[in-house]
């Protein structure tokens, strides 16, 4: 999935998931330049104890979070 820094300055973003079936397959790049697109690789484990849907929550310094709805296969 592609994530673009919509801000006018370099920013660092944090990614969290509300379902342990989902995780990032790679490390975040740190500071992201304004307007730059970063590829986020999302891993789905598919454990039966948890649903195959979840949310990815992206946050940065004091702004409301971006919420992405996920469905694993």
PDB file of N, CA and C in Angstrom:
ATOM      1  N   UNK A   1       0.845  -1.163   0.000  1.00  0.00           N
ATOM      2  CA  UNK A   1       0.000   0.000   0.000  1.00  0.00           C
ATOM      3  C   UNK A   1       0.898   1.236   0.000  1.00  0.00           C
ATOM      4  N   UNK A   2       0.521   2.238  -0.729  1.00  0.00           N
ATOM      5  CA  UNK A   2       1.278   3.486  -0.781  1.00  0.00           C
ATOM      6  C   UNK A   2       0.715   4.492   0.220  1.00  0.00           C
ATOM      7  N   UNK A   3       1.632   5.162   0.913  1.00  0.00           N
ATOM      8  CA  UNK A   3       1.248   6.231   1.836  1.00  0.00           C
ATOM      9  C   UNK A   3       2.028   7.475   1.444  1.00  0.00           C
ATOM     10  N   UNK A   4       1.322   8.575   1.272  1.00  0.00           N
ATOM     11  CA  UNK A   4       1.943   9.834   0.861  1.00  0.00           C
ATOM     12  C   UNK A   4       1.931  10.822   2.023  1.00  0.00           C
ATOM     13  N   UNK A   5       3.064  11.495   2.236  1.00  0.00           N
ATOM     14  CA  UNK A   5       3.120  12.558   3.239  1.00  0.00           C
ATOM     15  C   UNK A   5       2.379  13.768   2.671  1.00  0.00           C
ATOM     16  N   UNK A   6       1.187  14.093   3.214  1.00  0.00           N
ATOM     17  CA  UNK A   6       0.415  15.219   2.685  1.00  0.00           C
ATOM     18  C   UNK A   6       0.831  16.566   3.268  1.00  0.00           C
ATOM     19  N   UNK A   7       1.777  16.565   4.166  1.00  0.00           N
ATOM     20  CA  UNK A   7       2.176  17.792   4.849  1.00  0.00           C
ATOM     21  C   UNK A   7       3.223  18.562   4.048  1.00  0.00           C
ATOM     22  N   UNK A   8       3.447  19.812   4.430  1.00  0.00           N
ATOM     23  CA  UNK A   8       4.413  20.675   3.745  1.00  0.00           C
ATOM     24  C   UNK A   8       5.802  20.622   4.380  1.00  0.00           C
ATOM     25  N   UNK A   9       6.027  19.680   5.260  1.00  0.00           N
ATOM     26  CA  UNK A   9       7.327  19.548   5.920  1.00  0.00           C
ATOM     27  C   UNK A   9       7.652  18.071   6.127  1.00  0.00           C
ATOM     28  N   UNK A  10       8.948  17.777   6.328  1.00  0.00           N
ATOM     29  CA  UNK A  10       9.345  16.410   6.650  1.00  0.00           C
ATOM     30  C   UNK A  10       8.670  16.003   7.945  1.00  0.00           C
ATOM     31  N   UNK A  11       8.148  14.790   7.962  1.00  0.00           N
ATOM     32  CA  UNK A  11       7.452  14.318   9.156  1.00  0.00           C
ATOM     33  C   UNK A  11       7.744  12.844   9.377  1.00  0.00           C
ATOM     34  N   UNK A  12       7.667  12.448  10.644  1.00  0.00           N
ATOM     35  CA  UNK A  12       7.811  11.045  11.006  1.00  0.00           C
ATOM     36  C   UNK A  12       6.430  10.521  11.365  1.00  0.00           C
ATOM     37  N   UNK A  13       6.116   9.342  10.873  1.00  0.00           N
ATOM     38  CA  UNK A  13       4.801   8.749  11.080  1.00  0.00           C
ATOM     39  C   UNK A  13       4.935   7.465  11.886  1.00  0.00           C
ATOM     40  N   UNK A  14       3.905   7.158  12.673  1.00  0.00           N
ATOM     41  CA  UNK A  14       3.832   5.899  13.417  1.00  0.00           C
ATOM     42  C   UNK A  14       2.656   5.106  12.869  1.00  0.00           C
ATOM     43  N   UNK A  15       2.840   3.795  12.753  1.00  0.00           N
ATOM     44  CA  UNK A  15       1.792   2.914  12.235  1.00  0.00           C
ATOM     45  C   UNK A  15       1.453   1.889  13.313  1.00  0.00           C
ATOM     46  N   UNK A  16       0.152   1.767  13.611  1.00  0.00           N
ATOM     47  CA  UNK A  16      -0.340   0.775  14.574  1.00  0.00           C
ATOM     48  C   UNK A  16      -1.525   0.045  13.967  1.00  0.00           C
ATOM     49  N   UNK A  17      -1.762  -1.165  14.457  1.00  0.00           N
ATOM     50  CA  UNK A  17      -2.875  -1.984  13.989  1.00  0.00           C
ATOM     51  C   UNK A  17      -3.741  -2.365  15.181  1.00  0.00           C
ATOM     52  N   UNK A  18      -5.062  -2.459  14.965  1.00  0.00           N
ATOM     53  CA  UNK A  18      -5.956  -2.847  16.059  1.00  0.00           C
ATOM     54  C   UNK A  18      -6.227  -4.350  16.082  1.00  0.00           C
ATOM     55  N   UNK A  19      -5.573  -5.109  15.214  1.00  0.00           N
ATOM     56  CA  UNK A  19      -5.736  -6.555  15.124  1.00  0.00           C
ATOM     57  C   UNK A  19      -4.333  -7.159  14.993  1.00  0.00           C
ATOM     58  N   UNK A  20      -3.948  -8.079  15.896  1.00  0.00           N
ATOM     59  CA  UNK A  20      -2.598  -8.645  15.836  1.00  0.00           C
ATOM     60  C   UNK A  20      -2.335  -9.503  14.604  1.00  0.00           C
ATOM     61  N   UNK A  21      -3.344  -9.802  13.804  1.00  0.00           N
ATOM     62  CA  UNK A  21      -3.127 -10.510  12.534  1.00  0.00           C
ATOM     63  C   UNK A  21      -2.368  -9.646  11.528  1.00  0.00           C
ATOM     64  N   UNK A  22      -2.387  -8.338  11.705  1.00  0.00           N
ATOM     65  CA  UNK A  22      -1.749  -7.415  10.763  1.00  0.00           C
ATOM     66  C   UNK A  22      -0.487  -6.814  11.382  1.00  0.00           C
ATOM     67  N   UNK A  23       0.536  -6.629  10.549  1.00  0.00           N
ATOM     68  CA  UNK A  23       1.766  -5.980  10.982  1.00  0.00           C
ATOM     69  C   UNK A  23       2.478  -5.430   9.751  1.00  0.00           C
ATOM     70  N   UNK A  24       3.466  -4.569   9.992  1.00  0.00           N
ATOM     71  CA  UNK A  24       4.293  -4.080   8.891  1.00  0.00           C
ATOM     72  C   UNK A  24       5.365  -5.118   8.597  1.00  0.00           C
ATOM     73  N   UNK A  25       5.558  -5.424   7.333  1.00  0.00           N
ATOM     74  CA  UNK A  25       6.571  -6.403   6.929  1.00  0.00           C
ATOM     75  C   UNK A  25       7.954  -5.780   6.879  1.00  0.00           C
ATOM     76  N   UNK A  26       8.026  -4.450   6.846  1.00  0.00           N
ATOM     77  CA  UNK A  26       9.317  -3.775   6.803  1.00  0.00           C
ATOM     78  C   UNK A  26       9.297  -2.580   7.752  1.00  0.00           C
ATOM     79  N   UNK A  27      10.462  -2.034   8.013  1.00  0.00           N
ATOM     80  CA  UNK A  27      10.595  -0.898   8.931  1.00  0.00           C
ATOM     81  C   UNK A  27      10.144   0.395   8.250  1.00  0.00           C
ATOM     82  N   UNK A  28       9.596   1.303   9.038  1.00  0.00           N
ATOM     83  CA  UNK A  28       9.242   2.628   8.516  1.00  0.00           C
ATOM     84  C   UNK A  28      10.510   3.394   8.142  1.00  0.00           C
ATOM     85  N   UNK A  29      10.430   4.260   7.138  1.00  0.00           N
ATOM     86  CA  UNK A  29      11.635   4.954   6.673  1.00  0.00           C
ATOM     87  C   UNK A  29      12.120   6.099   7.554  1.00  0.00           C
ATOM     88  N   UNK A  30      11.455   6.440   8.631  1.00  0.00           N
ATOM     89  CA  UNK A  30      11.849   7.592   9.461  1.00  0.00           C
ATOM     90  C   UNK A  30      11.176   8.844   8.934  1.00  0.00           C
ATOM     91  N   UNK A  31      11.931   9.919   8.769  1.00  0.00           N
ATOM     92  CA  UNK A  31      11.357  11.161   8.244  1.00  0.00           C
ATOM     93  C   UNK A  31      10.996  10.992   6.771  1.00  0.00           C
ATOM     94  N   UNK A  32       9.791  11.423   6.431  1.00  0.00           N
ATOM     95  CA  UNK A  32       9.303  11.335   5.050  1.00  0.00           C
ATOM     96  C   UNK A  32       9.206  12.751   4.496  1.00  0.00           C
ATOM     97  N   UNK A  33       9.819  12.979   3.343  1.00  0.00           N
ATOM     98  CA  UNK A  33       9.795  14.295   2.703  1.00  0.00           C
ATOM     99  C   UNK A  33       8.373  14.689   2.319  1.00  0.00           C
ATOM    100  N   UNK A  34       8.084  15.997   2.241  1.00  0.00           N
ATOM    101  CA  UNK A  34       6.738  16.447   1.853  1.00  0.00           C
ATOM    102  C   UNK A  34       6.362  15.933   0.470  1.00  0.00           C
ATOM    103  N   UNK A  35       5.169  15.396   0.355  1.00  0.00           N
ATOM    104  CA  UNK A  35       4.667  14.911  -0.924  1.00  0.00           C
ATOM    105  C   UNK A  35       5.240  13.580  -1.367  1.00  0.00           C
ATOM    106  N   UNK A  36       6.189  13.026  -0.630  1.00  0.00           N
ATOM    107  CA  UNK A  36       6.815  11.766  -1.026  1.00  0.00           C
ATOM    108  C   UNK A  36       5.905  10.587  -0.713  1.00  0.00           C
ATOM    109  N   UNK A  37       5.883   9.635  -1.630  1.00  0.00           N
ATOM    110  CA  UNK A  37       5.102   8.411  -1.454  1.00  0.00           C
ATOM    111  C   UNK A  37       6.020   7.322  -0.905  1.00  0.00           C
ATOM    112  N   UNK A  38       5.565   6.650   0.126  1.00  0.00           N
ATOM    113  CA  UNK A  38       6.302   5.554   0.749  1.00  0.00           C
ATOM    114  C   UNK A  38       5.469   4.291   0.652  1.00  0.00           C
ATOM    115  N   UNK A  39       6.088   3.206   0.213  1.00  0.00           N
ATOM    116  CA  UNK A  39       5.388   1.928   0.126  1.00  0.00           C
ATOM    117  C   UNK A  39       5.412   1.248   1.488  1.00  0.00           C
ATOM    118  N   UNK A  40       4.245   0.889   1.994  1.00  0.00           N
ATOM    119  CA  UNK A  40       4.127   0.150   3.245  1.00  0.00           C
ATOM    120  C   UNK A  40       3.711  -1.279   2.908  1.00  0.00           C
ATOM    121  N   UNK A  41       4.519  -2.232   3.309  1.00  0.00           N
ATOM    122  CA  UNK A  41       4.193  -3.646   3.094  1.00  0.00           C
ATOM    123  C   UNK A  41       3.494  -4.165   4.344  1.00  0.00           C
ATOM    124  N   UNK A  42       2.256  -4.588   4.182  1.00  0.00           N
ATOM    125  CA  UNK A  42       1.454  -5.059   5.308  1.00  0.00           C
ATOM    126  C   UNK A  42       1.389  -6.579   5.265  1.00  0.00           C
ATOM    127  N   UNK A  43       1.675  -7.186   6.403  1.00  0.00           N
ATOM    128  CA  UNK A  43       1.679  -8.648   6.520  1.00  0.00           C
ATOM    129  C   UNK A  43       0.405  -9.086   7.237  1.00  0.00           C
ATOM    130  N   UNK A  44      -0.216 -10.164   6.732  1.00  0.00           N
ATOM    131  CA  UNK A  44      -1.412 -10.736   7.351  1.00  0.00           C
ATOM    132  C   UNK A  44      -1.093 -12.160   7.785  1.00  0.00           C
ATOM    133  N   UNK A  45      -1.251 -12.471   9.088  1.00  0.00           N
ATOM    134  CA  UNK A  45      -0.917 -13.791   9.620  1.00  0.00           C
ATOM    135  C   UNK A  45      -2.060 -14.795   9.509  1.00  0.00           C
ATOM    136  N   UNK A  46      -3.285 -14.356   9.595  1.00  0.00           N
ATOM    137  CA  UNK A  46      -4.438 -15.242   9.424  1.00  0.00           C
ATOM    138  C   UNK A  46      -4.687 -16.198  10.575  1.00  0.00           C
ATOM    139  N   UNK A  47      -4.374 -15.809  11.789  1.00  0.00           N
ATOM    140  CA  UNK A  47      -4.638 -16.660  12.955  1.00  0.00           C
ATOM    141  C   UNK A  47      -6.146 -16.759  13.163  1.00  0.00           C
ATOM    142  N   UNK A  48      -6.609 -17.965  13.439  1.00  0.00           N
ATOM    143  CA  UNK A  48      -8.045 -18.211  13.569  1.00  0.00           C
ATOM    144  C   UNK A  48      -8.667 -17.503  14.769  1.00  0.00           C
ATOM    145  N   UNK A  49      -7.863 -17.148  15.766  1.00  0.00           N
ATOM    146  CA  UNK A  49      -8.403 -16.522  16.978  1.00  0.00           C
ATOM    147  C   UNK A  49      -8.859 -15.085  16.750  1.00  0.00           C
ATOM    148  N   UNK A  50      -8.462 -14.491  15.626  1.00  0.00           N
ATOM    149  CA  UNK A  50      -8.770 -13.085  15.360  1.00  0.00           C
ATOM    150  C   UNK A  50      -9.470 -12.957  14.007  1.00  0.00           C
ATOM    151  N   UNK A  51     -10.257 -11.903  13.820  1.00  0.00           N
ATOM    152  CA  UNK A  51     -10.939 -11.709  12.535  1.00  0.00           C
ATOM    153  C   UNK A  51      -9.944 -11.384  11.417  1.00  0.00           C
ATOM    154  N   UNK A  52     -10.415 -11.490  10.168  1.00  0.00           N
ATOM    155  CA  UNK A  52      -9.543 -11.167   9.029  1.00  0.00           C
ATOM    156  C   UNK A  52      -9.690  -9.707   8.603  1.00  0.00           C
ATOM    157  N   UNK A  53     -10.326  -8.898   9.430  1.00  0.00           N
ATOM    158  CA  UNK A  53     -10.439  -7.459   9.166  1.00  0.00           C
ATOM    159  C   UNK A  53      -9.783  -6.691  10.308  1.00  0.00           C
ATOM    160  N   UNK A  54      -9.376  -5.470  10.010  1.00  0.00           N
ATOM    161  CA  UNK A  54      -8.762  -4.645  11.033  1.00  0.00           C
ATOM    162  C   UNK A  54      -8.529  -3.243  10.517  1.00  0.00           C
ATOM    163  N   UNK A  55      -7.919  -2.425  11.360  1.00  0.00           N
ATOM    164  CA  UNK A  55      -7.617  -1.050  10.978  1.00  0.00           C
ATOM    165  C   UNK A  55      -6.129  -0.782  11.148  1.00  0.00           C
ATOM    166  N   UNK A  56      -5.570  -0.037  10.195  1.00  0.00           N
ATOM    167  CA  UNK A  56      -4.218   0.472  10.310  1.00  0.00           C
ATOM    168  C   UNK A  56      -4.360   1.948  10.640  1.00  0.00           C
ATOM    169  N   UNK A  57      -3.706   2.376  11.721  1.00  0.00           N
ATOM    170  CA  UNK A  57      -3.832   3.750  12.195  1.00  0.00           C
ATOM    171  C   UNK A  57      -2.472   4.421  12.054  1.00  0.00           C
ATOM    172  N   UNK A  58      -2.421   5.484  11.243  1.00  0.00           N
ATOM    173  CA  UNK A  58      -1.182   6.216  10.994  1.00  0.00           C
ATOM    174  C   UNK A  58      -1.291   7.561  11.694  1.00  0.00           C
ATOM    175  N   UNK A  59      -0.284   7.876  12.524  1.00  0.00           N
ATOM    176  CA  UNK A  59      -0.305   9.125  13.281  1.00  0.00           C
ATOM    177  C   UNK A  59       0.992   9.893  13.089  1.00  0.00           C
ATOM    178  N   UNK A  60       0.906  11.189  13.311  1.00  0.00           N
ATOM    179  CA  UNK A  60       2.056  12.078  13.352  1.00  0.00           C
ATOM    180  C   UNK A  60       1.734  13.227  14.283  1.00  0.00           C
ATOM    181  N   UNK A  61       2.726  13.901  14.736  1.00  0.00           N
ATOM    182  CA  UNK A  61       2.711  15.006  15.696  1.00  0.00           C
ATOM    183  C   UNK A  61       1.439  15.857  15.795  1.00  0.00           C
ATOM    184  N   UNK A  62       0.547  15.460  16.676  1.00  0.00           N
ATOM    185  CA  UNK A  62      -0.582  16.300  17.023  1.00  0.00           C
ATOM    186  C   UNK A  62      -1.709  16.416  16.016  1.00  0.00           C
ATOM    187  N   UNK A  63      -1.688  15.669  14.938  1.00  0.00           N
ATOM    188  CA  UNK A  63      -2.776  15.707  13.956  1.00  0.00           C
ATOM    189  C   UNK A  63      -3.703  14.521  14.170  1.00  0.00           C
ATOM    190  N   UNK A  64      -4.943  14.617  13.716  1.00  0.00           N
ATOM    191  CA  UNK A  64      -5.826  13.458  13.810  1.00  0.00           C
ATOM    192  C   UNK A  64      -5.240  12.290  13.014  1.00  0.00           C
ATOM    193  N   UNK A  65      -5.517  11.063  13.432  1.00  0.00           N
ATOM    194  CA  UNK A  65      -4.950   9.904  12.736  1.00  0.00           C
ATOM    195  C   UNK A  65      -5.617   9.654  11.384  1.00  0.00           C
ATOM    196  N   UNK A  66      -4.862   9.001  10.501  1.00  0.00           N
ATOM    197  CA  UNK A  66      -5.409   8.468   9.265  1.00  0.00           C
ATOM    198  C   UNK A  66      -5.762   7.018   9.568  1.00  0.00           C
ATOM    199  N   UNK A  67      -6.969   6.602   9.183  1.00  0.00           N
ATOM    200  CA  UNK A  67      -7.405   5.231   9.452  1.00  0.00           C
ATOM    201  C   UNK A  67      -7.669   4.530   8.129  1.00  0.00           C
ATOM    202  N   UNK A  68      -7.029   3.378   7.973  1.00  0.00           N
ATOM    203  CA  UNK A  68      -7.186   2.550   6.778  1.00  0.00           C
ATOM    204  C   UNK A  68      -7.842   1.248   7.211  1.00  0.00           C
ATOM    205  N   UNK A  69      -8.881   0.839   6.512  1.00  0.00           N
ATOM    206  CA  UNK A  69      -9.578  -0.402   6.825  1.00  0.00           C
ATOM    207  C   UNK A  69      -8.966  -1.514   5.998  1.00  0.00           C
ATOM    208  N   UNK A  70      -8.626  -2.630   6.671  1.00  0.00           N
ATOM    209  CA  UNK A  70      -7.912  -3.732   6.039  1.00  0.00           C
ATOM    210  C   UNK A  70      -8.764  -4.993   6.038  1.00  0.00           C
ATOM    211  N   UNK A  71      -8.528  -5.828   5.026  1.00  0.00           N
ATOM    212  CA  UNK A  71      -9.136  -7.156   4.987  1.00  0.00           C
ATOM    213  C   UNK A  71      -8.065  -8.124   4.501  1.00  0.00           C
ATOM    214  N   UNK A  72      -7.764  -9.112   5.328  1.00  0.00           N
ATOM    215  CA  UNK A  72      -6.742 -10.093   4.991  1.00  0.00           C
ATOM    216  C   UNK A  72      -7.312 -11.236   4.178  1.00  0.00           C
ATOM    217  N   UNK A  73      -6.427 -11.838   3.401  1.00  0.00           N
ATOM    218  CA  UNK A  73      -6.820 -12.993   2.582  1.00  0.00           C
ATOM    219  C   UNK A  73      -5.903 -14.145   2.838  1.00  0.00           C
TER     220      UNK A  73
END
